[in-house]
Amino acid sequence: MVAEQLEKRGITDPEVLAALGTVERHRFVDDAQPYGDHALPLGAGQTISQPYVVALMTSAARPESGWRGASVLEVGTGSGYQAAVLAELGASVVSIERHASLAAEARRRLQATGFAERVEVVIGDGTLGWPARAPYRAILVTAGGPKVPQPLLDQLEADGGRLVMPIGEREHQQLTQVDRWGEEFRSRDLGAVVFVPLIGEHGHSAT
């Protein structure tokens, strides 16, 4: 997976490559091809991103000071795989999931794989962030919204906090990186992607 899907497609961050080579993806999905180059379905109409997209988002979100000890917020826990990758890199992760059933299963998988102490899974509206643990050095949003929710921007560290999120319509988005410097936010386009919709007060409606 690392050699064929990541390195050949331009992922060069050695820490990210090592983390995706270490975290056992098959422990986070119930599928006959857990390492395939495609997204996989989870319960509640959600998906786990293909390995390349996980690597791309993780590489883009890397804090200037590195992952070790960084406070990170993930919006959209899913199976817990992305959170496990972040924890493997040394981050302290809060992951928000709006579906209680997925949150419970993710906690079970994280416990079984030894990541539970480094990942706190909470249930709530991810578009509101999780103020109790803010500010965050990095925020990863694993669902597509029409714009970056203001609460997430507010919860980024002001001296180089970084957010990565797919932005656009329900059917297609552009993966976007946003860096915060004081009250200035700088963004750049990382390419076209397709994610499930970000549902919540500052995202898409549920219907």
N, C-alpha and C. Protein backbone atom coordinates (compact mmCIF):
# COMPACT_ATOMS: atom_id res chain seq x y z
N MET A 1 0.82 -1.20 0.00
CA MET A 1 0.00 0.00 0.00
C MET A 1 0.87 1.26 0.00
N VAL A 2 1.85 1.30 0.90
CA VAL A 2 2.70 2.48 1.02
C VAL A 2 3.47 2.73 -0.27
N ALA A 3 4.08 1.68 -0.80
CA ALA A 3 4.90 1.84 -2.01
C ALA A 3 4.06 2.13 -3.25
N GLU A 4 2.97 1.38 -3.44
CA GLU A 4 2.21 1.47 -4.68
C GLU A 4 1.22 2.63 -4.69
N GLN A 5 0.57 2.91 -3.56
CA GLN A 5 -0.49 3.90 -3.55
C GLN A 5 -0.04 5.27 -3.05
N LEU A 6 0.98 5.30 -2.21
CA LEU A 6 1.37 6.56 -1.59
C LEU A 6 2.63 7.14 -2.23
N GLU A 7 3.73 6.40 -2.15
CA GLU A 7 5.00 6.93 -2.69
C GLU A 7 4.91 7.19 -4.19
N LYS A 8 4.29 6.29 -4.94
CA LYS A 8 4.20 6.46 -6.39
C LYS A 8 3.30 7.63 -6.78
N ARG A 9 2.45 8.08 -5.84
CA ARG A 9 1.55 9.20 -6.14
C ARG A 9 2.02 10.50 -5.48
N GLY A 10 3.26 10.49 -4.99
CA GLY A 10 3.85 11.75 -4.56
C GLY A 10 3.85 12.04 -3.08
N ILE A 11 3.43 11.10 -2.25
CA ILE A 11 3.51 11.30 -0.80
C ILE A 11 4.96 11.05 -0.38
N THR A 12 5.60 12.07 0.16
CA THR A 12 7.02 11.97 0.48
C THR A 12 7.33 12.13 1.97
N ASP A 13 6.38 12.58 2.77
CA ASP A 13 6.61 12.80 4.19
C ASP A 13 6.97 11.46 4.86
N PRO A 14 8.20 11.30 5.34
CA PRO A 14 8.61 10.00 5.88
C PRO A 14 7.82 9.60 7.13
N GLU A 15 7.43 10.56 7.94
CA GLU A 15 6.65 10.23 9.15
C GLU A 15 5.27 9.71 8.77
N VAL A 16 4.66 10.33 7.79
CA VAL A 16 3.33 9.89 7.35
C VAL A 16 3.40 8.51 6.73
N LEU A 17 4.40 8.29 5.88
CA LEU A 17 4.57 6.96 5.26
C LEU A 17 4.78 5.89 6.33
N ALA A 18 5.58 6.21 7.34
CA ALA A 18 5.83 5.25 8.41
C ALA A 18 4.56 4.97 9.21
N ALA A 19 3.78 6.02 9.48
CA ALA A 19 2.55 5.84 10.27
C ALA A 19 1.54 4.99 9.52
N LEU A 20 1.36 5.25 8.22
CA LEU A 20 0.41 4.45 7.46
C LEU A 20 0.92 3.03 7.24
N GLY A 21 2.22 2.85 7.31
CA GLY A 21 2.77 1.50 7.23
C GLY A 21 2.67 0.75 8.53
N THR A 22 2.44 1.48 9.63
CA THR A 22 2.38 0.86 10.96
C THR A 22 0.95 0.57 11.40
N VAL A 23 0.05 1.55 11.22
CA VAL A 23 -1.35 1.38 11.66
C VAL A 23 -2.03 0.34 10.77
N GLU A 24 -2.58 -0.67 11.38
CA GLU A 24 -3.17 -1.79 10.65
C GLU A 24 -4.58 -1.43 10.18
N ARG A 25 -4.68 -1.03 8.92
CA ARG A 25 -5.97 -0.57 8.37
C ARG A 25 -7.05 -1.64 8.48
N HIS A 26 -6.65 -2.90 8.35
CA HIS A 26 -7.66 -3.96 8.40
C HIS A 26 -8.32 -4.08 9.77
N ARG A 27 -7.71 -3.48 10.80
CA ARG A 27 -8.32 -3.50 12.13
C ARG A 27 -9.42 -2.44 12.26
N PHE A 28 -9.56 -1.58 11.26
CA PHE A 28 -10.53 -0.49 11.32
C PHE A 28 -11.65 -0.60 10.30
N VAL A 29 -11.63 -1.64 9.47
CA VAL A 29 -12.70 -1.84 8.49
C VAL A 29 -13.05 -3.31 8.42
N ASP A 30 -14.30 -3.57 8.09
CA ASP A 30 -14.75 -4.94 7.86
C ASP A 30 -14.97 -5.11 6.35
N ASP A 31 -13.88 -5.37 5.64
CA ASP A 31 -13.96 -5.47 4.19
C ASP A 31 -12.89 -6.45 3.72
N ALA A 32 -13.19 -7.12 2.63
CA ALA A 32 -12.25 -8.13 2.11
C ALA A 32 -10.99 -7.50 1.52
N GLN A 33 -11.06 -6.20 1.18
CA GLN A 33 -9.91 -5.51 0.60
C GLN A 33 -9.62 -4.22 1.38
N PRO A 34 -9.19 -4.33 2.62
CA PRO A 34 -9.02 -3.13 3.45
C PRO A 34 -7.93 -2.20 2.96
N TYR A 35 -6.97 -2.72 2.18
CA TYR A 35 -5.85 -1.89 1.72
C TYR A 35 -6.01 -1.44 0.27
N GLY A 36 -7.20 -1.62 -0.30
CA GLY A 36 -7.44 -1.21 -1.68
C GLY A 36 -7.39 0.30 -1.84
N ASP A 37 -7.13 0.74 -3.07
CA ASP A 37 -6.99 2.16 -3.38
C ASP A 37 -8.37 2.78 -3.64
N HIS A 38 -9.22 2.71 -2.65
CA HIS A 38 -10.58 3.25 -2.79
C HIS A 38 -11.19 3.44 -1.41
N ALA A 39 -12.19 4.30 -1.35
CA ALA A 39 -12.93 4.48 -0.09
C ALA A 39 -13.75 3.23 0.20
N LEU A 40 -14.05 3.01 1.46
CA LEU A 40 -14.82 1.84 1.87
C LEU A 40 -16.01 2.27 2.71
N PRO A 41 -17.14 1.57 2.58
CA PRO A 41 -18.33 1.96 3.35
C PRO A 41 -18.22 1.57 4.82
N LEU A 42 -18.76 2.45 5.66
CA LEU A 42 -18.94 2.16 7.08
C LEU A 42 -20.43 2.15 7.35
N GLY A 43 -20.83 2.05 8.58
CA GLY A 43 -22.24 2.15 8.91
C GLY A 43 -22.73 3.58 8.81
N ALA A 44 -24.03 3.76 8.94
CA ALA A 44 -24.68 5.08 9.00
C ALA A 44 -24.41 5.93 7.77
N GLY A 45 -24.17 5.28 6.62
CA GLY A 45 -23.97 6.01 5.38
C GLY A 45 -22.64 6.73 5.26
N GLN A 46 -21.68 6.39 6.11
CA GLN A 46 -20.38 7.05 6.10
C GLN A 46 -19.34 6.16 5.41
N THR A 47 -18.16 6.74 5.16
CA THR A 47 -17.09 6.00 4.48
C THR A 47 -15.75 6.25 5.17
N ILE A 48 -14.80 5.36 4.91
CA ILE A 48 -13.41 5.58 5.28
C ILE A 48 -12.66 5.92 4.00
N SER A 49 -11.89 7.00 4.02
CA SER A 49 -11.19 7.46 2.82
C SER A 49 -10.15 6.46 2.36
N GLN A 50 -9.84 6.50 1.06
CA GLN A 50 -8.77 5.65 0.54
C GLN A 50 -7.45 6.06 1.19
N PRO A 51 -6.49 5.14 1.27
CA PRO A 51 -5.22 5.43 1.94
C PRO A 51 -4.52 6.68 1.42
N TYR A 52 -4.56 6.91 0.10
CA TYR A 52 -3.89 8.08 -0.47
C TYR A 52 -4.47 9.38 0.10
N VAL A 53 -5.78 9.47 0.21
CA VAL A 53 -6.41 10.69 0.72
C VAL A 53 -6.07 10.89 2.20
N VAL A 54 -6.04 9.80 2.96
CA VAL A 54 -5.63 9.90 4.37
C VAL A 54 -4.20 10.45 4.45
N ALA A 55 -3.32 9.93 3.62
CA ALA A 55 -1.93 10.38 3.62
C ALA A 55 -1.81 11.83 3.17
N LEU A 56 -2.57 12.20 2.14
CA LEU A 56 -2.53 13.57 1.63
C LEU A 56 -3.00 14.56 2.68
N MET A 57 -4.12 14.27 3.32
CA MET A 57 -4.65 15.18 4.35
C MET A 57 -3.70 15.28 5.54
N THR A 58 -3.14 14.15 5.93
CA THR A 58 -2.23 14.14 7.07
C THR A 58 -0.97 14.93 6.76
N SER A 59 -0.43 14.74 5.57
CA SER A 59 0.76 15.49 5.17
C SER A 59 0.49 16.98 5.13
N ALA A 60 -0.67 17.36 4.58
CA ALA A 60 -1.01 18.78 4.45
C ALA A 60 -1.24 19.43 5.81
N ALA A 61 -1.77 18.67 6.76
CA ALA A 61 -2.11 19.23 8.08
C ALA A 61 -0.92 19.30 9.02
N ARG A 62 0.22 18.77 8.61
CA ARG A 62 1.38 18.69 9.51
C ARG A 62 1.73 20.06 10.09
N PRO A 63 1.77 20.18 11.43
CA PRO A 63 2.15 21.45 12.04
C PRO A 63 3.62 21.78 11.75
N GLU A 64 3.93 23.07 11.73
CA GLU A 64 5.30 23.51 11.49
C GLU A 64 6.25 22.89 12.52
N SER A 65 5.77 22.75 13.74
CA SER A 65 6.60 22.22 14.83
C SER A 65 6.56 20.70 14.92
N GLY A 66 5.84 20.06 14.01
CA GLY A 66 5.75 18.60 14.01
C GLY A 66 4.55 18.09 14.79
N TRP A 67 4.32 16.79 14.68
CA TRP A 67 3.14 16.17 15.30
C TRP A 67 3.32 15.87 16.78
N ARG A 68 4.53 15.65 17.23
CA ARG A 68 4.76 15.18 18.59
C ARG A 68 4.18 16.14 19.61
N GLY A 69 3.17 15.69 20.36
CA GLY A 69 2.56 16.50 21.40
C GLY A 69 1.55 17.51 20.91
N ALA A 70 1.30 17.57 19.60
CA ALA A 70 0.37 18.56 19.06
C ALA A 70 -1.07 18.22 19.43
N SER A 71 -1.83 19.22 19.78
CA SER A 71 -3.26 19.04 20.05
C SER A 71 -4.00 19.11 18.72
N VAL A 72 -4.73 18.05 18.37
CA VAL A 72 -5.35 17.93 17.05
C VAL A 72 -6.83 17.61 17.21
N LEU A 73 -7.65 18.27 16.39
CA LEU A 73 -9.08 17.98 16.33
C LEU A 73 -9.39 17.32 15.00
N GLU A 74 -10.10 16.20 15.06
CA GLU A 74 -10.60 15.56 13.85
C GLU A 74 -12.12 15.65 13.86
N VAL A 75 -12.69 16.09 12.76
CA VAL A 75 -14.15 16.16 12.62
C VAL A 75 -14.58 15.02 11.71
N GLY A 76 -15.27 14.05 12.28
CA GLY A 76 -15.71 12.87 11.53
C GLY A 76 -14.85 11.66 11.85
N THR A 77 -15.15 11.00 12.95
CA THR A 77 -14.32 9.88 13.42
C THR A 77 -14.38 8.69 12.48
N GLY A 78 -15.59 8.38 11.99
CA GLY A 78 -15.74 7.19 11.17
C GLY A 78 -15.33 5.95 11.93
N SER A 79 -14.40 5.19 11.39
CA SER A 79 -13.94 3.96 12.03
C SER A 79 -12.83 4.20 13.04
N GLY A 80 -12.26 5.42 13.05
CA GLY A 80 -11.14 5.72 13.93
C GLY A 80 -9.78 5.60 13.28
N TYR A 81 -9.75 5.25 11.99
CA TYR A 81 -8.46 5.02 11.32
C TYR A 81 -7.62 6.28 11.22
N GLN A 82 -8.21 7.38 10.74
CA GLN A 82 -7.45 8.62 10.63
C GLN A 82 -6.94 9.08 11.99
N ALA A 83 -7.77 8.95 13.01
CA ALA A 83 -7.35 9.33 14.36
C ALA A 83 -6.19 8.47 14.83
N ALA A 84 -6.21 7.18 14.49
CA ALA A 84 -5.11 6.29 14.87
C ALA A 84 -3.81 6.69 14.18
N VAL A 85 -3.89 7.10 12.92
CA VAL A 85 -2.71 7.56 12.19
C VAL A 85 -2.13 8.80 12.87
N LEU A 86 -2.98 9.73 13.25
CA LEU A 86 -2.53 10.95 13.94
C LEU A 86 -1.89 10.60 15.28
N ALA A 87 -2.51 9.68 16.00
CA ALA A 87 -1.95 9.27 17.29
C ALA A 87 -0.60 8.57 17.11
N GLU A 88 -0.48 7.77 16.08
CA GLU A 88 0.79 7.10 15.79
C GLU A 88 1.89 8.13 15.52
N LEU A 89 1.53 9.25 14.96
CA LEU A 89 2.48 10.32 14.69
C LEU A 89 2.88 11.09 15.95
N GLY A 90 2.14 10.87 17.04
CA GLY A 90 2.48 11.51 18.30
C GLY A 90 1.54 12.60 18.74
N ALA A 91 0.45 12.81 18.00
CA ALA A 91 -0.50 13.85 18.34
C ALA A 91 -1.44 13.41 19.47
N SER A 92 -2.00 14.39 20.16
CA SER A 92 -3.07 14.17 21.13
C SER A 92 -4.37 14.56 20.44
N VAL A 93 -5.26 13.60 20.22
CA VAL A 93 -6.38 13.78 19.29
C VAL A 93 -7.73 13.80 20.01
N VAL A 94 -8.55 14.78 19.65
CA VAL A 94 -9.98 14.76 19.95
C VAL A 94 -10.70 14.53 18.64
N SER A 95 -11.56 13.53 18.57
CA SER A 95 -12.27 13.20 17.33
C SER A 95 -13.77 13.24 17.59
N ILE A 96 -14.47 14.04 16.78
CA ILE A 96 -15.92 14.22 16.94
C ILE A 96 -16.66 13.38 15.91
N GLU A 97 -17.66 12.65 16.38
CA GLU A 97 -18.51 11.84 15.50
C GLU A 97 -19.96 12.13 15.85
N ARG A 98 -20.80 12.38 14.86
CA ARG A 98 -22.20 12.69 15.15
C ARG A 98 -23.07 11.44 15.30
N HIS A 99 -22.57 10.29 14.83
CA HIS A 99 -23.32 9.04 14.95
C HIS A 99 -22.81 8.26 16.17
N ALA A 100 -23.68 8.07 17.15
CA ALA A 100 -23.27 7.39 18.38
C ALA A 100 -22.79 5.96 18.11
N SER A 101 -23.42 5.28 17.16
CA SER A 101 -23.03 3.89 16.87
C SER A 101 -21.61 3.83 16.31
N LEU A 102 -21.27 4.77 15.42
CA LEU A 102 -19.91 4.79 14.88
C LEU A 102 -18.90 5.17 15.95
N ALA A 103 -19.27 6.12 16.80
CA ALA A 103 -18.36 6.53 17.87
C ALA A 103 -18.04 5.35 18.79
N ALA A 104 -19.05 4.57 19.13
CA ALA A 104 -18.84 3.42 20.02
C ALA A 104 -17.94 2.38 19.36
N GLU A 105 -18.16 2.13 18.08
CA GLU A 105 -17.34 1.15 17.36
C GLU A 105 -15.90 1.66 17.21
N ALA A 106 -15.75 2.95 16.94
CA ALA A 106 -14.40 3.52 16.82
C ALA A 106 -13.65 3.40 18.14
N ARG A 107 -14.31 3.68 19.25
CA ARG A 107 -13.67 3.54 20.56
C ARG A 107 -13.20 2.10 20.77
N ARG A 108 -14.04 1.15 20.37
CA ARG A 108 -13.67 -0.27 20.52
C ARG A 108 -12.44 -0.59 19.69
N ARG A 109 -12.40 -0.12 18.45
CA ARG A 109 -11.28 -0.41 17.57
C ARG A 109 -10.00 0.28 18.06
N LEU A 110 -10.12 1.49 18.54
CA LEU A 110 -8.95 2.21 19.05
C LEU A 110 -8.42 1.55 20.32
N GLN A 111 -9.31 1.05 21.15
CA GLN A 111 -8.89 0.32 22.35
C GLN A 111 -8.16 -0.96 21.96
N ALA A 112 -8.70 -1.67 20.98
CA ALA A 112 -8.13 -2.95 20.58
C ALA A 112 -6.76 -2.80 19.92
N THR A 113 -6.51 -1.63 19.33
CA THR A 113 -5.24 -1.41 18.63
C THR A 113 -4.24 -0.58 19.45
N GLY A 114 -4.61 -0.24 20.67
CA GLY A 114 -3.67 0.44 21.55
C GLY A 114 -3.60 1.95 21.42
N PHE A 115 -4.60 2.56 20.76
CA PHE A 115 -4.57 4.01 20.57
C PHE A 115 -5.53 4.77 21.47
N ALA A 116 -6.28 4.07 22.29
CA ALA A 116 -7.34 4.72 23.06
C ALA A 116 -6.82 5.81 23.99
N GLU A 117 -5.63 5.64 24.54
CA GLU A 117 -5.11 6.63 25.48
C GLU A 117 -4.73 7.94 24.78
N ARG A 118 -4.53 7.90 23.47
CA ARG A 118 -4.12 9.11 22.74
C ARG A 118 -5.24 9.71 21.90
N VAL A 119 -6.41 9.07 21.90
CA VAL A 119 -7.54 9.57 21.12
C VAL A 119 -8.79 9.61 22.00
N GLU A 120 -9.39 10.79 22.12
CA GLU A 120 -10.67 10.93 22.81
C GLU A 120 -11.77 11.07 21.76
N VAL A 121 -12.69 10.13 21.73
CA VAL A 121 -13.81 10.18 20.79
C VAL A 121 -15.02 10.77 21.49
N VAL A 122 -15.57 11.84 20.93
CA VAL A 122 -16.73 12.50 21.52
C VAL A 122 -17.86 12.53 20.49
N ILE A 123 -19.09 12.68 20.97
CA ILE A 123 -20.26 12.72 20.10
C ILE A 123 -20.79 14.14 20.06
N GLY A 124 -21.02 14.66 18.86
CA GLY A 124 -21.54 16.02 18.76
C GLY A 124 -21.56 16.52 17.33
N ASP A 125 -21.89 17.78 17.19
CA ASP A 125 -21.91 18.46 15.90
C ASP A 125 -20.50 18.94 15.61
N GLY A 126 -19.84 18.30 14.66
CA GLY A 126 -18.45 18.62 14.37
C GLY A 126 -18.25 20.03 13.84
N THR A 127 -19.28 20.64 13.26
CA THR A 127 -19.12 21.99 12.73
C THR A 127 -18.96 23.01 13.85
N LEU A 128 -19.26 22.61 15.08
CA LEU A 128 -19.08 23.50 16.24
C LEU A 128 -17.71 23.30 16.89
N GLY A 129 -16.96 22.31 16.41
CA GLY A 129 -15.67 22.02 17.02
C GLY A 129 -15.84 21.43 18.41
N TRP A 130 -14.78 21.54 19.20
CA TRP A 130 -14.80 21.04 20.58
C TRP A 130 -14.02 22.05 21.43
N PRO A 131 -14.70 23.14 21.85
CA PRO A 131 -14.03 24.25 22.53
C PRO A 131 -13.28 23.85 23.80
N ALA A 132 -13.73 22.79 24.46
CA ALA A 132 -13.12 22.40 25.73
C ALA A 132 -11.64 22.10 25.62
N ARG A 133 -11.19 21.66 24.45
CA ARG A 133 -9.77 21.31 24.27
C ARG A 133 -9.04 22.29 23.35
N ALA A 134 -9.71 23.35 22.92
CA ALA A 134 -9.08 24.33 22.03
C ALA A 134 -8.06 25.17 22.80
N PRO A 135 -7.07 25.76 22.10
CA PRO A 135 -6.91 25.79 20.64
C PRO A 135 -6.19 24.55 20.13
N TYR A 136 -6.34 24.30 18.84
CA TYR A 136 -5.75 23.13 18.21
C TYR A 136 -4.64 23.55 17.24
N ARG A 137 -3.57 22.75 17.26
CA ARG A 137 -2.48 23.00 16.32
C ARG A 137 -2.88 22.60 14.90
N ALA A 138 -3.73 21.59 14.81
CA ALA A 138 -4.21 21.15 13.50
C ALA A 138 -5.65 20.66 13.63
N ILE A 139 -6.43 20.89 12.59
CA ILE A 139 -7.81 20.40 12.51
C ILE A 139 -7.98 19.71 11.16
N LEU A 140 -8.46 18.46 11.17
CA LEU A 140 -8.75 17.73 9.95
C LEU A 140 -10.25 17.46 9.90
N VAL A 141 -10.88 17.84 8.81
CA VAL A 141 -12.31 17.63 8.62
C VAL A 141 -12.50 16.59 7.52
N THR A 142 -13.08 15.46 7.88
CA THR A 142 -13.18 14.35 6.94
C THR A 142 -14.57 14.25 6.32
N ALA A 143 -15.18 15.40 6.06
CA ALA A 143 -16.46 15.49 5.36
C ALA A 143 -16.49 16.84 4.66
N GLY A 144 -17.23 16.92 3.55
CA GLY A 144 -17.21 18.12 2.74
C GLY A 144 -18.30 19.10 3.09
N GLY A 145 -17.92 20.36 3.29
CA GLY A 145 -18.88 21.40 3.61
C GLY A 145 -18.82 22.55 2.63
N PRO A 146 -19.83 23.44 2.63
CA PRO A 146 -19.85 24.57 1.71
C PRO A 146 -18.79 25.62 2.01
N LYS A 147 -18.32 25.67 3.25
CA LYS A 147 -17.26 26.59 3.66
C LYS A 147 -16.69 26.08 4.98
N VAL A 148 -15.58 26.65 5.40
CA VAL A 148 -15.01 26.26 6.69
C VAL A 148 -15.87 26.85 7.80
N PRO A 149 -16.40 26.03 8.70
CA PRO A 149 -17.20 26.56 9.81
C PRO A 149 -16.40 27.56 10.65
N GLN A 150 -17.01 28.70 10.95
CA GLN A 150 -16.32 29.72 11.74
C GLN A 150 -15.82 29.20 13.08
N PRO A 151 -16.59 28.34 13.79
CA PRO A 151 -16.08 27.83 15.06
C PRO A 151 -14.76 27.09 14.93
N LEU A 152 -14.55 26.41 13.81
CA LEU A 152 -13.29 25.70 13.60
C LEU A 152 -12.14 26.68 13.39
N LEU A 153 -12.39 27.73 12.64
CA LEU A 153 -11.36 28.75 12.46
C LEU A 153 -11.01 29.40 13.79
N ASP A 154 -12.03 29.65 14.60
CA ASP A 154 -11.81 30.28 15.91
C ASP A 154 -10.99 29.39 16.84
N GLN A 155 -11.09 28.06 16.65
CA GLN A 155 -10.42 27.12 17.55
C GLN A 155 -9.02 26.73 17.09
N LEU A 156 -8.57 27.27 15.96
CA LEU A 156 -7.20 27.05 15.51
C LEU A 156 -6.24 27.91 16.33
N GLU A 157 -5.06 27.36 16.62
CA GLU A 157 -4.03 28.19 17.24
C GLU A 157 -3.74 29.37 16.33
N ALA A 158 -3.49 30.54 16.94
CA ALA A 158 -3.33 31.76 16.16
C ALA A 158 -1.96 31.91 15.52
N ASP A 159 -0.98 31.13 15.99
CA ASP A 159 0.39 31.29 15.49
C ASP A 159 0.80 30.13 14.60
N GLY A 160 0.02 29.91 13.54
CA GLY A 160 0.37 28.85 12.60
C GLY A 160 -0.50 27.62 12.67
N GLY A 161 -1.66 27.73 13.30
CA GLY A 161 -2.59 26.61 13.30
C GLY A 161 -3.01 26.28 11.87
N ARG A 162 -3.25 25.01 11.61
CA ARG A 162 -3.50 24.57 10.23
C ARG A 162 -4.73 23.68 10.17
N LEU A 163 -5.61 23.95 9.21
CA LEU A 163 -6.83 23.17 9.01
C LEU A 163 -6.83 22.62 7.58
N VAL A 164 -7.29 21.38 7.44
CA VAL A 164 -7.45 20.77 6.12
C VAL A 164 -8.86 20.22 6.02
N MET A 165 -9.56 20.63 4.94
CA MET A 165 -10.99 20.29 4.81
C MET A 165 -11.40 20.31 3.35
N PRO A 166 -12.28 19.38 2.93
CA PRO A 166 -12.87 19.47 1.59
C PRO A 166 -14.00 20.50 1.57
N ILE A 167 -13.96 21.45 0.62
CA ILE A 167 -14.93 22.52 0.55
C ILE A 167 -15.61 22.51 -0.81
N GLY A 168 -16.95 22.59 -0.80
CA GLY A 168 -17.67 22.63 -2.06
C GLY A 168 -19.09 22.11 -1.93
N GLU A 169 -19.63 21.61 -3.04
CA GLU A 169 -20.98 21.08 -3.07
C GLU A 169 -21.01 19.66 -2.50
N ARG A 170 -22.20 19.11 -2.35
CA ARG A 170 -22.33 17.75 -1.82
C ARG A 170 -21.65 16.73 -2.73
N GLU A 171 -21.69 16.95 -4.05
CA GLU A 171 -21.21 15.95 -5.00
C GLU A 171 -19.71 16.02 -5.25
N HIS A 172 -19.09 17.17 -5.05
CA HIS A 172 -17.65 17.29 -5.30
C HIS A 172 -17.11 18.49 -4.53
N GLN A 173 -15.85 18.40 -4.13
CA GLN A 173 -15.22 19.45 -3.35
C GLN A 173 -13.77 19.62 -3.78
N GLN A 174 -13.15 20.68 -3.26
CA GLN A 174 -11.73 20.91 -3.39
C GLN A 174 -11.11 20.76 -1.99
N LEU A 175 -10.12 19.91 -1.89
CA LEU A 175 -9.43 19.78 -0.61
C LEU A 175 -8.64 21.07 -0.37
N THR A 176 -8.85 21.70 0.78
CA THR A 176 -8.32 23.02 1.04
C THR A 176 -7.53 23.04 2.35
N GLN A 177 -6.39 23.69 2.30
CA GLN A 177 -5.57 23.89 3.50
C GLN A 177 -5.68 25.35 3.91
N VAL A 178 -5.92 25.58 5.20
CA VAL A 178 -6.02 26.94 5.74
C VAL A 178 -5.02 27.09 6.87
N ASP A 179 -4.17 28.09 6.80
CA ASP A 179 -3.23 28.41 7.87
C ASP A 179 -3.66 29.70 8.56
N ARG A 180 -3.58 29.71 9.88
CA ARG A 180 -3.96 30.90 10.64
C ARG A 180 -2.73 31.59 11.22
N TRP A 181 -2.66 32.90 11.00
CA TRP A 181 -1.63 33.74 11.60
C TRP A 181 -2.34 34.95 12.19
N GLY A 182 -2.54 34.94 13.50
CA GLY A 182 -3.34 35.98 14.13
C GLY A 182 -4.76 35.90 13.64
N GLU A 183 -5.25 37.01 13.08
CA GLU A 183 -6.59 37.01 12.50
C GLU A 183 -6.56 36.88 10.98
N GLU A 184 -5.40 36.54 10.45
CA GLU A 184 -5.25 36.33 9.00
C GLU A 184 -5.30 34.84 8.70
N PHE A 185 -6.08 34.47 7.67
CA PHE A 185 -6.23 33.08 7.26
C PHE A 185 -5.81 32.95 5.80
N ARG A 186 -4.83 32.10 5.54
CA ARG A 186 -4.32 31.90 4.19
C ARG A 186 -4.72 30.50 3.72
N SER A 187 -5.27 30.39 2.54
CA SER A 187 -5.74 29.08 2.05
C SER A 187 -5.07 28.72 0.74
N ARG A 188 -4.99 27.41 0.49
CA ARG A 188 -4.51 26.92 -0.80
C ARG A 188 -5.24 25.65 -1.18
N ASP A 189 -5.41 25.46 -2.46
CA ASP A 189 -6.16 24.34 -3.03
C ASP A 189 -5.23 23.14 -3.19
N LEU A 190 -5.67 21.97 -2.70
CA LEU A 190 -4.88 20.75 -2.79
C LEU A 190 -5.41 19.76 -3.82
N GLY A 191 -6.51 20.12 -4.51
CA GLY A 191 -7.02 19.23 -5.54
C GLY A 191 -8.45 18.78 -5.30
N ALA A 192 -9.04 18.20 -6.34
CA ALA A 192 -10.44 17.77 -6.30
C ALA A 192 -10.60 16.47 -5.52
N VAL A 193 -11.66 16.40 -4.73
CA VAL A 193 -11.96 15.21 -3.93
C VAL A 193 -13.47 15.04 -3.85
N VAL A 194 -13.89 13.88 -3.35
CA VAL A 194 -15.31 13.64 -3.09
C VAL A 194 -15.44 13.00 -1.71
N PHE A 195 -16.11 13.70 -0.81
CA PHE A 195 -16.33 13.22 0.55
C PHE A 195 -17.83 13.19 0.85
N VAL A 196 -18.20 12.48 1.88
CA VAL A 196 -19.58 12.55 2.36
C VAL A 196 -19.83 13.96 2.87
N PRO A 197 -21.08 14.43 2.91
CA PRO A 197 -21.35 15.81 3.32
C PRO A 197 -21.13 16.03 4.82
N LEU A 198 -20.65 17.22 5.14
CA LEU A 198 -20.49 17.65 6.53
C LEU A 198 -21.84 18.18 7.01
N ILE A 199 -22.46 17.46 7.91
CA ILE A 199 -23.79 17.81 8.40
C ILE A 199 -23.67 18.54 9.74
N GLY A 200 -24.38 19.64 9.87
CA GLY A 200 -24.36 20.35 11.14
C GLY A 200 -24.79 21.78 11.00
N GLU A 201 -24.75 22.50 12.11
CA GLU A 201 -25.22 23.89 12.14
C GLU A 201 -24.50 24.77 11.14
N HIS A 202 -23.19 24.52 10.94
CA HIS A 202 -22.39 25.34 10.03
C HIS A 202 -21.99 24.55 8.78
N GLY A 203 -22.75 23.52 8.46
CA GLY A 203 -22.46 22.69 7.30
C GLY A 203 -23.72 22.50 6.47
N HIS A 204 -23.83 21.35 5.81
CA HIS A 204 -25.01 21.02 5.05
C HIS A 204 -26.14 20.57 5.97
N SER A 205 -27.37 20.68 5.48
CA SER A 205 -28.51 20.15 6.22
C SER A 205 -28.54 18.63 6.08
N ALA A 206 -29.23 17.98 6.99
CA ALA A 206 -29.30 16.52 6.98
C ALA A 206 -30.17 16.00 5.85
N THR A 207 -31.02 16.83 5.27
CA THR A 207 -31.93 16.38 4.21
C THR A 207 -31.56 17.01 2.87
